[in-house]
């Protein structure tokens, strides 16, 4: 299995926007030490489109927090645009988050009483940008995501997909180096999910570096590269097609060639003719019901013997009583 060291990495001519070197994150809970990240190495180049996947507890959320400068690693180096940010103070990290990183959240995180335009302007309030320039950049960001006609609408007047578009516009208004999306389609229906993923595809074609944290294979399939995490480490780091081939091989249906792995009593010769139900186990054969027991006086064919005259007289007496 290929790891981050052997997987895709930016070429010599391609600038590495993100470089993680032996990143470790340890949380202390009482006397227990939880290793959320255990020596992660990762590089992401300019204009890459990457998905980070993993089960609950795999470390992907901790990875997102460190990439977004929301948390510091316990050890290791994190370089963003060539600048060492893993040892910055809180004020410097806040400036990096505002200027270089755009965030898109699953729950939108919009101000309920503000218009779409005001929500998008918000990150620029903390920058040295005048109000007129701020307004123009916010309008451009909303037009970029197709909401030029919804600028004065409040969140309760927008659909789920439109809210997420506002959130994307807010993330883009500072012209960030990277766009971090945490389960961006988690609260959307299937139709709206397609629309938001099409928007991310468009942004990537325009040159935006995008990192999506997701557990949905359909979302990850839109990216160029999938980084899978397990137990605080990178389990695999592959281009999308190679990742798909590898995991389809792991999930393939057994064939008659898998005799060595077959359970005892399994008839490999007739495997292809057996019926395999949805639970993956060979169906059991239903036995025919046993014949009903015959009367001790019946013959081999199952017919009762012809009653004798004496038996007939006793039967008639019983009926008369």
C-alpha atoms as a PDB file:
ATOM      1  CA  UNK A   1       0.000   0.000   0.000  1.00  0.00           C
ATOM      2  CA  UNK A   2       1.381   3.392  -0.927  1.00  0.00           C
ATOM      3  CA  UNK A   3       1.772   6.019   1.767  1.00  0.00           C
ATOM      4  CA  UNK A   4       2.183   9.766   1.575  1.00  0.00           C
ATOM      5  CA  UNK A   5       5.927   9.393   1.032  1.00  0.00           C
ATOM      6  CA  UNK A   6       5.370   7.181  -2.011  1.00  0.00           C
ATOM      7  CA  UNK A   7       2.133   8.746  -3.247  1.00  0.00           C
ATOM      8  CA  UNK A   8       1.531  11.821  -5.390  1.00  0.00           C
ATOM      9  CA  UNK A   9       3.509  14.920  -4.512  1.00  0.00           C
ATOM     10  CA  UNK A  10       4.056  18.284  -6.189  1.00  0.00           C
ATOM     11  CA  UNK A  11       6.561  18.198  -9.007  1.00  0.00           C
ATOM     12  CA  UNK A  12       9.793  20.154  -8.909  1.00  0.00           C
ATOM     13  CA  UNK A  13       8.221  22.878 -11.028  1.00  0.00           C
ATOM     14  CA  UNK A  14       5.013  22.956  -9.009  1.00  0.00           C
ATOM     15  CA  UNK A  15       4.955  25.075  -5.863  1.00  0.00           C
ATOM     16  CA  UNK A  16       4.029  23.208  -2.681  1.00  0.00           C
ATOM     17  CA  UNK A  17       1.323  25.247  -0.983  1.00  0.00           C
ATOM     18  CA  UNK A  18       1.224  22.866   1.999  1.00  0.00           C
ATOM     19  CA  UNK A  19       4.071  20.808   3.431  1.00  0.00           C
ATOM     20  CA  UNK A  20       3.632  18.709   6.585  1.00  0.00           C
ATOM     21  CA  UNK A  21       6.710  17.043   8.071  1.00  0.00           C
ATOM     22  CA  UNK A  22       6.332  14.445  10.833  1.00  0.00           C
ATOM     23  CA  UNK A  23       3.250  16.133  12.283  1.00  0.00           C
ATOM     24  CA  UNK A  24       2.133  14.693  15.630  1.00  0.00           C
ATOM     25  CA  UNK A  25      -0.797  15.734  17.776  1.00  0.00           C
ATOM     26  CA  UNK A  26      -1.238  14.345  21.275  1.00  0.00           C
ATOM     27  CA  UNK A  27      -4.212  15.164  23.485  1.00  0.00           C
ATOM     28  CA  UNK A  28      -4.040  14.605  27.239  1.00  0.00           C
ATOM     29  CA  UNK A  29      -7.258  13.405  28.838  1.00  0.00           C
ATOM     30  CA  UNK A  30      -6.527  12.917  32.528  1.00  0.00           C
ATOM     31  CA  UNK A  31      -3.616  10.508  32.675  1.00  0.00           C
ATOM     32  CA  UNK A  32      -4.339   9.162  29.198  1.00  0.00           C
ATOM     33  CA  UNK A  33      -2.477  10.387  26.108  1.00  0.00           C
ATOM     34  CA  UNK A  34      -4.408  10.178  22.828  1.00  0.00           C
ATOM     35  CA  UNK A  35      -2.295  10.190  19.669  1.00  0.00           C
ATOM     36  CA  UNK A  36      -4.616  11.879  17.170  1.00  0.00           C
ATOM     37  CA  UNK A  37      -1.844  12.232  14.554  1.00  0.00           C
ATOM     38  CA  UNK A  38       1.205   9.985  14.569  1.00  0.00           C
ATOM     39  CA  UNK A  39       3.939  11.369  12.309  1.00  0.00           C
ATOM     40  CA  UNK A  40       2.099  12.584   9.184  1.00  0.00           C
ATOM     41  CA  UNK A  41       4.032  13.656   6.077  1.00  0.00           C
ATOM     42  CA  UNK A  42       2.032  15.337   3.323  1.00  0.00           C
ATOM     43  CA  UNK A  43       2.560  17.770   0.446  1.00  0.00           C
ATOM     44  CA  UNK A  44      -0.149  19.520  -1.556  1.00  0.00           C
ATOM     45  CA  UNK A  45       0.726  21.609  -4.572  1.00  0.00           C
ATOM     46  CA  UNK A  46      -0.842  24.690  -6.082  1.00  0.00           C
ATOM     47  CA  UNK A  47      -4.195  24.083  -7.832  1.00  0.00           C
ATOM     48  CA  UNK A  48      -4.506  20.554  -6.467  1.00  0.00           C
ATOM     49  CA  UNK A  49      -7.941  19.162  -5.649  1.00  0.00           C
ATOM     50  CA  UNK A  50      -7.611  16.752  -2.723  1.00  0.00           C
ATOM     51  CA  UNK A  51     -10.044  14.738  -0.602  1.00  0.00           C
ATOM     52  CA  UNK A  52      -9.168  13.590   2.923  1.00  0.00           C
ATOM     53  CA  UNK A  53     -11.171  10.559   4.024  1.00  0.00           C
ATOM     54  CA  UNK A  54     -11.295   8.261   7.015  1.00  0.00           C
ATOM     55  CA  UNK A  55     -13.550   6.701   9.607  1.00  0.00           C
ATOM     56  CA  UNK A  56     -14.455   8.414  12.868  1.00  0.00           C
ATOM     57  CA  UNK A  57     -11.336   8.618  15.019  1.00  0.00           C
ATOM     58  CA  UNK A  58      -8.952   8.299  12.069  1.00  0.00           C
ATOM     59  CA  UNK A  59      -7.490  11.775  12.610  1.00  0.00           C
ATOM     60  CA  UNK A  60      -8.987  13.584   9.618  1.00  0.00           C
ATOM     61  CA  UNK A  61     -10.686  16.269  11.751  1.00  0.00           C
ATOM     62  CA  UNK A  62      -7.445  16.919  13.641  1.00  0.00           C
ATOM     63  CA  UNK A  63      -5.674  17.147  10.285  1.00  0.00           C
ATOM     64  CA  UNK A  64      -8.245  19.720   9.120  1.00  0.00           C
ATOM     65  CA  UNK A  65      -7.762  21.794  12.271  1.00  0.00           C
ATOM     66  CA  UNK A  66      -3.997  21.878  11.781  1.00  0.00           C
ATOM     67  CA  UNK A  67      -4.226  22.620   8.041  1.00  0.00           C
ATOM     68  CA  UNK A  68      -6.635  25.459   8.822  1.00  0.00           C
ATOM     69  CA  UNK A  69      -4.354  26.848  11.562  1.00  0.00           C
ATOM     70  CA  UNK A  70      -7.123  26.273  14.112  1.00  0.00           C
ATOM     71  CA  UNK A  71      -4.778  24.137  16.214  1.00  0.00           C
ATOM     72  CA  UNK A  72      -1.027  23.654  16.611  1.00  0.00           C
ATOM     73  CA  UNK A  73       0.745  20.308  16.270  1.00  0.00           C
ATOM     74  CA  UNK A  74       2.491  18.819  19.300  1.00  0.00           C
ATOM     75  CA  UNK A  75       5.595  18.310  17.155  1.00  0.00           C
ATOM     76  CA  UNK A  76       6.626  18.496  13.524  1.00  0.00           C
ATOM     77  CA  UNK A  77       6.645  21.279  10.943  1.00  0.00           C
ATOM     78  CA  UNK A  78       3.822  22.823   8.921  1.00  0.00           C
ATOM     79  CA  UNK A  79       4.809  25.162   6.096  1.00  0.00           C
ATOM     80  CA  UNK A  80       2.102  27.152   4.326  1.00  0.00           C
ATOM     81  CA  UNK A  81       3.301  29.007   1.229  1.00  0.00           C
ATOM     82  CA  UNK A  82       6.852  28.422   2.438  1.00  0.00           C
ATOM     83  CA  UNK A  83       6.185  30.048   5.824  1.00  0.00           C
ATOM     84  CA  UNK A  84       6.527  28.022   9.035  1.00  0.00           C
ATOM     85  CA  UNK A  85       3.157  28.379  10.753  1.00  0.00           C
ATOM     86  CA  UNK A  86       3.347  25.467  13.208  1.00  0.00           C
ATOM     87  CA  UNK A  87       5.101  27.654  15.811  1.00  0.00           C
ATOM     88  CA  UNK A  88       3.183  30.896  15.320  1.00  0.00           C
ATOM     89  CA  UNK A  89       1.333  32.607  18.146  1.00  0.00           C
ATOM     90  CA  UNK A  90      -2.442  33.009  18.307  1.00  0.00           C
ATOM     91  CA  UNK A  91      -2.487  36.491  16.746  1.00  0.00           C
ATOM     92  CA  UNK A  92      -0.290  35.497  13.809  1.00  0.00           C
ATOM     93  CA  UNK A  93      -2.358  32.363  13.195  1.00  0.00           C
ATOM     94  CA  UNK A  94      -5.542  34.444  13.128  1.00  0.00           C
ATOM     95  CA  UNK A  95      -3.997  36.655  10.462  1.00  0.00           C
ATOM     96  CA  UNK A  96      -2.990  33.599   8.409  1.00  0.00           C
ATOM     97  CA  UNK A  97      -6.505  32.172   8.666  1.00  0.00           C
ATOM     98  CA  UNK A  98      -8.055  35.432   7.512  1.00  0.00           C
ATOM     99  CA  UNK A  99      -5.688  36.102   4.619  1.00  0.00           C
ATOM    100  CA  UNK A 100      -4.676  32.707   3.254  1.00  0.00           C
ATOM    101  CA  UNK A 101      -7.343  30.149   4.164  1.00  0.00           C
ATOM    102  CA  UNK A 102     -10.999  30.034   3.161  1.00  0.00           C
ATOM    103  CA  UNK A 103     -13.339  27.840   5.203  1.00  0.00           C
ATOM    104  CA  UNK A 104     -16.553  26.161   4.060  1.00  0.00           C
ATOM    105  CA  UNK A 105     -18.524  24.413   6.810  1.00  0.00           C
ATOM    106  CA  UNK A 106     -21.203  21.750   6.722  1.00  0.00           C
ATOM    107  CA  UNK A 107     -23.679  23.931   8.653  1.00  0.00           C
ATOM    108  CA  UNK A 108     -22.992  27.129   6.605  1.00  0.00           C
ATOM    109  CA  UNK A 109     -22.318  29.310   9.713  1.00  0.00           C
ATOM    110  CA  UNK A 110     -24.047  32.398   8.333  1.00  0.00           C
ATOM    111  CA  UNK A 111     -25.270  35.380  10.385  1.00  0.00           C
ATOM    112  CA  UNK A 112     -29.041  35.028  10.424  1.00  0.00           C
ATOM    113  CA  UNK A 113     -29.875  38.756  10.500  1.00  0.00           C
ATOM    114  CA  UNK A 114     -27.368  39.824   7.841  1.00  0.00           C
ATOM    115  CA  UNK A 115     -27.864  39.789   4.089  1.00  0.00           C
ATOM    116  CA  UNK A 116     -25.841  37.543   1.817  1.00  0.00           C
ATOM    117  CA  UNK A 117     -23.690  40.553   0.879  1.00  0.00           C
ATOM    118  CA  UNK A 118     -22.982  41.425   4.529  1.00  0.00           C
ATOM    119  CA  UNK A 119     -22.095  37.800   5.299  1.00  0.00           C
ATOM    120  CA  UNK A 120     -19.573  37.733   2.480  1.00  0.00           C
ATOM    121  CA  UNK A 121     -18.068  41.083   3.522  1.00  0.00           C
ATOM    122  CA  UNK A 122     -17.410  39.855   7.068  1.00  0.00           C
ATOM    123  CA  UNK A 123     -13.848  38.440   6.613  1.00  0.00           C
ATOM    124  CA  UNK A 124     -12.745  41.704   4.974  1.00  0.00           C
ATOM    125  CA  UNK A 125     -13.780  43.737   8.017  1.00  0.00           C
ATOM    126  CA  UNK A 126     -10.764  42.289   9.836  1.00  0.00           C
ATOM    127  CA  UNK A 127      -8.429  43.223   6.965  1.00  0.00           C
ATOM    128  CA  UNK A 128      -7.041  46.572   5.928  1.00  0.00           C
ATOM    129  CA  UNK A 129      -9.646  46.965   3.193  1.00  0.00           C
ATOM    130  CA  UNK A 130     -11.773  50.090   2.745  1.00  0.00           C
ATOM    131  CA  UNK A 131     -15.544  49.792   2.741  1.00  0.00           C
ATOM    132  CA  UNK A 132     -15.912  50.488  -1.005  1.00  0.00           C
ATOM    133  CA  UNK A 133     -13.281  47.944  -2.018  1.00  0.00           C
ATOM    134  CA  UNK A 134     -14.828  45.513   0.464  1.00  0.00           C
ATOM    135  CA  UNK A 135     -18.234  45.941  -1.127  1.00  0.00           C
ATOM    136  CA  UNK A 136     -16.903  45.414  -4.683  1.00  0.00           C
ATOM    137  CA  UNK A 137     -15.000  42.261  -3.712  1.00  0.00           C
ATOM    138  CA  UNK A 138     -18.059  40.813  -1.958  1.00  0.00           C
ATOM    139  CA  UNK A 139     -20.260  41.498  -4.977  1.00  0.00           C
ATOM    140  CA  UNK A 140     -17.704  39.868  -7.268  1.00  0.00           C
ATOM    141  CA  UNK A 141     -17.521  36.791  -5.000  1.00  0.00           C
ATOM    142  CA  UNK A 142     -21.310  36.382  -4.996  1.00  0.00           C
ATOM    143  CA  UNK A 143     -21.477  36.773  -8.765  1.00  0.00           C
ATOM    144  CA  UNK A 144     -18.720  34.184  -9.062  1.00  0.00           C
ATOM    145  CA  UNK A 145     -20.890  31.578  -7.310  1.00  0.00           C
ATOM    146  CA  UNK A 146     -24.037  32.527  -9.242  1.00  0.00           C
ATOM    147  CA  UNK A 147     -25.835  34.591  -6.581  1.00  0.00           C
ATOM    148  CA  UNK A 148     -25.666  38.035  -8.136  1.00  0.00           C
ATOM    149  CA  UNK A 149     -29.454  38.317  -7.833  1.00  0.00           C
ATOM    150  CA  UNK A 150     -29.628  37.200  -4.155  1.00  0.00           C
ATOM    151  CA  UNK A 151     -27.302  39.731  -2.496  1.00  0.00           C
ATOM    152  CA  UNK A 152     -29.965  41.371  -0.320  1.00  0.00           C
ATOM    153  CA  UNK A 153     -31.544  38.084   0.812  1.00  0.00           C
ATOM    154  CA  UNK A 154     -31.108  36.842   4.367  1.00  0.00           C
ATOM    155  CA  UNK A 155     -30.254  33.191   5.088  1.00  0.00           C
ATOM    156  CA  UNK A 156     -33.876  32.307   5.950  1.00  0.00           C
ATOM    157  CA  UNK A 157     -34.851  33.456   2.459  1.00  0.00           C
ATOM    158  CA  UNK A 158     -32.354  31.152   0.760  1.00  0.00           C
ATOM    159  CA  UNK A 159     -32.379  27.434  -0.010  1.00  0.00           C
ATOM    160  CA  UNK A 160     -29.766  25.082   1.425  1.00  0.00           C
ATOM    161  CA  UNK A 161     -27.757  25.161  -1.779  1.00  0.00           C
ATOM    162  CA  UNK A 162     -27.874  28.963  -1.927  1.00  0.00           C
ATOM    163  CA  UNK A 163     -26.708  29.195   1.703  1.00  0.00           C
ATOM    164  CA  UNK A 164     -23.732  27.006   0.887  1.00  0.00           C
ATOM    165  CA  UNK A 165     -22.956  29.170  -2.141  1.00  0.00           C
ATOM    166  CA  UNK A 166     -22.907  32.215   0.140  1.00  0.00           C
ATOM    167  CA  UNK A 167     -20.522  30.326   2.430  1.00  0.00           C
ATOM    168  CA  UNK A 168     -18.270  29.528  -0.541  1.00  0.00           C
ATOM    169  CA  UNK A 169     -18.326  33.181  -1.644  1.00  0.00           C
ATOM    170  CA  UNK A 170     -17.365  34.248   1.888  1.00  0.00           C
ATOM    171  CA  UNK A 171     -14.447  31.786   1.786  1.00  0.00           C
ATOM    172  CA  UNK A 172     -13.258  33.137  -1.578  1.00  0.00           C
ATOM    173  CA  UNK A 173     -13.570  36.870  -0.909  1.00  0.00           C
ATOM    174  CA  UNK A 174     -10.057  37.129   0.614  1.00  0.00           C
ATOM    175  CA  UNK A 175      -8.473  35.331  -2.364  1.00  0.00           C
ATOM    176  CA  UNK A 176      -7.087  32.539  -0.139  1.00  0.00           C
ATOM    177  CA  UNK A 177      -4.207  30.216  -0.976  1.00  0.00           C
ATOM    178  CA  UNK A 178      -6.316  27.194  -0.067  1.00  0.00           C
ATOM    179  CA  UNK A 179      -9.999  26.457   0.290  1.00  0.00           C
ATOM    180  CA  UNK A 180     -10.820  24.030   3.132  1.00  0.00           C
ATOM    181  CA  UNK A 181     -14.252  22.398   2.993  1.00  0.00           C
ATOM    182  CA  UNK A 182     -15.468  20.282   5.913  1.00  0.00           C
ATOM    183  CA  UNK A 183     -18.282  17.976   4.728  1.00  0.00           C
ATOM    184  CA  UNK A 184     -19.615  20.749   2.437  1.00  0.00           C
ATOM    185  CA  UNK A 185     -22.508  18.617   1.141  1.00  0.00           C
ATOM    186  CA  UNK A 186     -23.444  16.956   4.439  1.00  0.00           C
ATOM    187  CA  UNK A 187     -26.655  18.996   4.905  1.00  0.00           C
ATOM    188  CA  UNK A 188     -27.720  19.046   1.254  1.00  0.00           C
ATOM    189  CA  UNK A 189     -29.996  16.844  -0.826  1.00  0.00           C
ATOM    190  CA  UNK A 190     -28.634  14.895  -3.771  1.00  0.00           C
ATOM    191  CA  UNK A 191     -29.617  17.470  -6.418  1.00  0.00           C
ATOM    192  CA  UNK A 192     -28.084  20.378  -4.502  1.00  0.00           C
ATOM    193  CA  UNK A 193     -24.983  18.284  -3.782  1.00  0.00           C
ATOM    194  CA  UNK A 194     -24.416  17.937  -7.522  1.00  0.00           C
ATOM    195  CA  UNK A 195     -24.700  21.715  -7.939  1.00  0.00           C
ATOM    196  CA  UNK A 196     -22.214  22.484  -5.147  1.00  0.00           C
ATOM    197  CA  UNK A 197     -19.726  19.903  -6.431  1.00  0.00           C
ATOM    198  CA  UNK A 198     -20.021  21.442  -9.902  1.00  0.00           C
ATOM    199  CA  UNK A 199     -19.159  24.800  -8.298  1.00  0.00           C
ATOM    200  CA  UNK A 200     -16.044  23.309  -6.659  1.00  0.00           C
ATOM    201  CA  UNK A 201     -15.053  21.768  -9.996  1.00  0.00           C
ATOM    202  CA  UNK A 202     -15.380  25.179 -11.630  1.00  0.00           C
ATOM    203  CA  UNK A 203     -13.275  26.856  -8.920  1.00  0.00           C
ATOM    204  CA  UNK A 204     -10.579  24.233  -9.373  1.00  0.00           C
ATOM    205  CA  UNK A 205     -10.502  24.854 -13.122  1.00  0.00           C
ATOM    206  CA  UNK A 206     -10.019  28.541 -12.335  1.00  0.00           C
ATOM    207  CA  UNK A 207      -6.863  27.701 -10.356  1.00  0.00           C
ATOM    208  CA  UNK A 208      -8.120  27.361  -6.769  1.00  0.00           C
ATOM    209  CA  UNK A 209      -6.412  24.845  -4.448  1.00  0.00           C
ATOM    210  CA  UNK A 210      -9.183  22.860  -2.720  1.00  0.00           C
ATOM    211  CA  UNK A 211      -9.075  20.378   0.151  1.00  0.00           C
ATOM    212  CA  UNK A 212     -12.295  18.565   1.052  1.00  0.00           C
ATOM    213  CA  UNK A 213     -12.772  16.474   4.194  1.00  0.00           C
ATOM    214  CA  UNK A 214     -15.563  13.997   3.517  1.00  0.00           C
ATOM    215  CA  UNK A 215     -16.787  10.464   4.167  1.00  0.00           C
ATOM    216  CA  UNK A 216     -18.753  10.272   0.906  1.00  0.00           C
ATOM    217  CA  UNK A 217     -17.111   8.376  -1.948  1.00  0.00           C
ATOM    218  CA  UNK A 218     -19.208  10.276  -4.507  1.00  0.00           C
ATOM    219  CA  UNK A 219     -17.809  13.596  -3.281  1.00  0.00           C
ATOM    220  CA  UNK A 220     -14.216  12.331  -3.215  1.00  0.00           C
ATOM    221  CA  UNK A 221     -14.603  11.080  -6.793  1.00  0.00           C
ATOM    222  CA  UNK A 222     -14.727  14.717  -7.975  1.00  0.00           C
ATOM    223  CA  UNK A 223     -11.199  15.397  -6.711  1.00  0.00           C
ATOM    224  CA  UNK A 224      -7.841  14.526  -8.273  1.00  0.00           C
ATOM    225  CA  UNK A 225      -6.346  12.736  -5.299  1.00  0.00           C
ATOM    226  CA  UNK A 226      -7.645  10.891  -2.232  1.00  0.00           C
ATOM    227  CA  UNK A 227      -5.751  10.773   1.072  1.00  0.00           C
ATOM    228  CA  UNK A 228      -7.142   8.057   3.351  1.00  0.00           C
ATOM    229  CA  UNK A 229      -6.380   8.167   7.069  1.00  0.00           C
ATOM    230  CA  UNK A 230      -6.443   5.486   9.718  1.00  0.00           C
ATOM    231  CA  UNK A 231      -5.309   5.548  13.351  1.00  0.00           C
ATOM    232  CA  UNK A 232      -3.692   8.952  13.001  1.00  0.00           C
ATOM    233  CA  UNK A 233      -1.617   8.030   9.965  1.00  0.00           C
ATOM    234  CA  UNK A 234      -1.982   8.238   6.201  1.00  0.00           C
ATOM    235  CA  UNK A 235      -3.060   4.801   5.036  1.00  0.00           C
ATOM    236  CA  UNK A 236      -2.958   5.612   1.321  1.00  0.00           C
ATOM    237  CA  UNK A 237      -2.391   8.637  -0.908  1.00  0.00           C
ATOM    238  CA  UNK A 238      -3.402   7.908  -4.490  1.00  0.00           C
ATOM    239  CA  UNK A 239      -4.853   9.536  -7.606  1.00  0.00           C
ATOM    240  CA  UNK A 240      -8.601   9.027  -7.770  1.00  0.00           C
ATOM    241  CA  UNK A 241      -8.582   6.276 -10.402  1.00  0.00           C
ATOM    242  CA  UNK A 242      -5.863   4.269  -8.642  1.00  0.00           C
ATOM    243  CA  UNK A 243      -7.704   4.647  -5.342  1.00  0.00           C
ATOM    244  CA  UNK A 244     -10.906   3.434  -6.962  1.00  0.00           C
ATOM    245  CA  UNK A 245      -9.164   0.410  -8.500  1.00  0.00           C
ATOM    246  CA  UNK A 246      -7.507  -0.506  -5.211  1.00  0.00           C
ATOM    247  CA  UNK A 247     -10.664  -0.318  -3.141  1.00  0.00           C
ATOM    248  CA  UNK A 248     -12.810  -2.068  -5.733  1.00  0.00           C
ATOM    249  CA  UNK A 249     -10.263  -4.893  -5.634  1.00  0.00           C
ATOM    250  CA  UNK A 250     -10.559  -5.051  -1.838  1.00  0.00           C
ATOM    251  CA  UNK A 251     -14.359  -5.171  -2.053  1.00  0.00           C
ATOM    252  CA  UNK A 252     -14.617  -7.581  -5.000  1.00  0.00           C
ATOM    253  CA  UNK A 253     -16.998 -10.575  -4.909  1.00  0.00           C
ATOM    254  CA  UNK A 254     -15.231 -13.920  -4.289  1.00  0.00           C
ATOM    255  CA  UNK A 255     -14.965 -16.334  -7.214  1.00  0.00           C
ATOM    256  CA  UNK A 256     -14.346 -20.042  -7.566  1.00  0.00           C
ATOM    257  CA  UNK A 257     -10.590 -19.305  -7.641  1.00  0.00           C
ATOM    258  CA  UNK A 258     -10.711 -18.412  -3.952  1.00  0.00           C
ATOM    259  CA  UNK A 259     -10.731 -22.082  -2.899  1.00  0.00           C
ATOM    260  CA  UNK A 260      -8.091 -21.580  -0.228  1.00  0.00           C
ATOM    261  CA  UNK A 261     -10.275 -19.038   1.579  1.00  0.00           C
ATOM    262  CA  UNK A 262     -13.476 -21.047   1.266  1.00  0.00           C
ATOM    263  CA  UNK A 263     -15.107 -22.401   4.459  1.00  0.00           C
ATOM    264  CA  UNK A 264     -15.020 -26.088   5.234  1.00  0.00           C
ATOM    265  CA  UNK A 265     -17.669 -28.082   3.384  1.00  0.00           C
ATOM    266  CA  UNK A 266     -17.789 -25.527   0.569  1.00  0.00           C
ATOM    267  CA  UNK A 267     -18.250 -27.088  -2.881  1.00  0.00           C
ATOM    268  CA  UNK A 268     -15.884 -25.062  -5.077  1.00  0.00           C
ATOM    269  CA  UNK A 269     -16.782 -27.034  -8.219  1.00  0.00           C
ATOM    270  CA  UNK A 270     -20.415 -25.943  -8.000  1.00  0.00           C
ATOM    271  CA  UNK A 271     -19.706 -22.482  -6.598  1.00  0.00           C
ATOM    272  CA  UNK A 272     -20.806 -20.549  -9.677  1.00  0.00           C
ATOM    273  CA  UNK A 273     -24.148 -22.373  -9.677  1.00  0.00           C
ATOM    274  CA  UNK A 274     -24.911 -21.670  -6.037  1.00  0.00           C
ATOM    275  CA  UNK A 275     -27.339 -18.929  -5.153  1.00  0.00           C
ATOM    276  CA  UNK A 276     -25.715 -16.148  -3.113  1.00  0.00           C
ATOM    277  CA  UNK A 277     -28.259 -14.076  -1.176  1.00  0.00           C
ATOM    278  CA  UNK A 278     -27.769 -10.423  -0.182  1.00  0.00           C
ATOM    279  CA  UNK A 279     -26.104 -11.319   3.110  1.00  0.00           C
ATOM    280  CA  UNK A 280     -23.162 -12.872   1.229  1.00  0.00           C
ATOM    281  CA  UNK A 281     -23.630 -16.424   2.605  1.00  0.00           C
ATOM    282  CA  UNK A 282     -24.559 -19.427   0.430  1.00  0.00           C
ATOM    283  CA  UNK A 283     -28.244 -20.144   0.615  1.00  0.00           C
ATOM    284  CA  UNK A 284     -29.254 -23.280   2.506  1.00  0.00           C
ATOM    285  CA  UNK A 285     -31.149 -25.989   0.636  1.00  0.00           C
ATOM    286  CA  UNK A 286     -34.738 -26.489   1.753  1.00  0.00           C
ATOM    287  CA  UNK A 287     -35.468 -30.162   2.505  1.00  0.00           C
ATOM    288  CA  UNK A 288     -38.689 -31.800   1.339  1.00  0.00           C
ATOM    289  CA  UNK A 289     -41.182 -32.435   4.164  1.00  0.00           C
ATOM    290  CA  UNK A 290     -41.270 -35.934   5.590  1.00  0.00           C
ATOM    291  CA  UNK A 291     -44.327 -38.088   4.693  1.00  0.00           C
ATOM    292  CA  UNK A 292     -47.083 -38.313   7.244  1.00  0.00           C
ATOM    293  CA  UNK A 293     -46.981 -41.472   9.389  1.00  0.00           C
ATOM    294  CA  UNK A 294     -49.284 -44.265   8.201  1.00  0.00           C
ATOM    295  CA  UNK A 295     -51.646 -46.348  10.278  1.00  0.00           C
ATOM    296  CA  UNK A 296     -50.096 -49.550  11.607  1.00  0.00           C
ATOM    297  CA  UNK A 297     -52.762 -51.504   9.729  1.00  0.00           C
ATOM    298  CA  UNK A 298     -52.094 -49.777   6.364  1.00  0.00           C
ATOM    299  CA  UNK A 299     -50.343 -51.637   3.590  1.00  0.00           C
ATOM    300  CA  UNK A 300     -47.135 -50.603   1.838  1.00  0.00           C
ATOM    301  CA  UNK A 301     -49.079 -48.386  -0.586  1.00  0.00           C
ATOM    302  CA  UNK A 302     -50.653 -46.494   2.304  1.00  0.00           C
ATOM    303  CA  UNK A 303     -54.199 -47.880   1.840  1.00  0.00           C
ATOM    304  CA  UNK A 304     -56.258 -48.931   4.822  1.00  0.00           C
ATOM    305  CA  UNK A 305     -57.363 -52.613   4.746  1.00  0.00           C
ATOM    306  CA  UNK A 306     -60.934 -53.461   3.754  1.00  0.00           C
ATOM    307  CA  UNK A 307     -63.028 -53.843   6.953  1.00  0.00           C
ATOM    308  CA  UNK A 308     -64.264 -57.364   7.781  1.00  0.00           C
ATOM    309  CA  UNK A 309     -67.991 -58.065   8.515  1.00  0.00           C
ATOM    310  CA  UNK A 310     -67.213 -58.208  12.240  1.00  0.00           C
ATOM    311  CA  UNK A 311     -65.500 -54.827  12.185  1.00  0.00           C
ATOM    312  CA  UNK A 312     -68.429 -53.393  10.214  1.00  0.00           C
ATOM    313  CA  UNK A 313     -70.927 -54.582  12.847  1.00  0.00           C
ATOM    314  CA  UNK A 314     -68.891 -53.076  15.719  1.00  0.00           C
ATOM    315  CA  UNK A 315     -68.609 -49.754  13.763  1.00  0.00           C
ATOM    316  CA  UNK A 316     -72.378 -49.616  13.204  1.00  0.00           C
ATOM    317  CA  UNK A 317     -73.073 -50.278  16.915  1.00  0.00           C
ATOM    318  CA  UNK A 318     -70.721 -47.412  17.888  1.00  0.00           C
ATOM    319  CA  UNK A 319     -72.473 -45.060  15.499  1.00  0.00           C
ATOM    320  CA  UNK A 320     -75.937 -45.962  16.894  1.00  0.00           C
ATOM    321  CA  UNK A 321     -74.804 -45.263  20.485  1.00  0.00           C
END
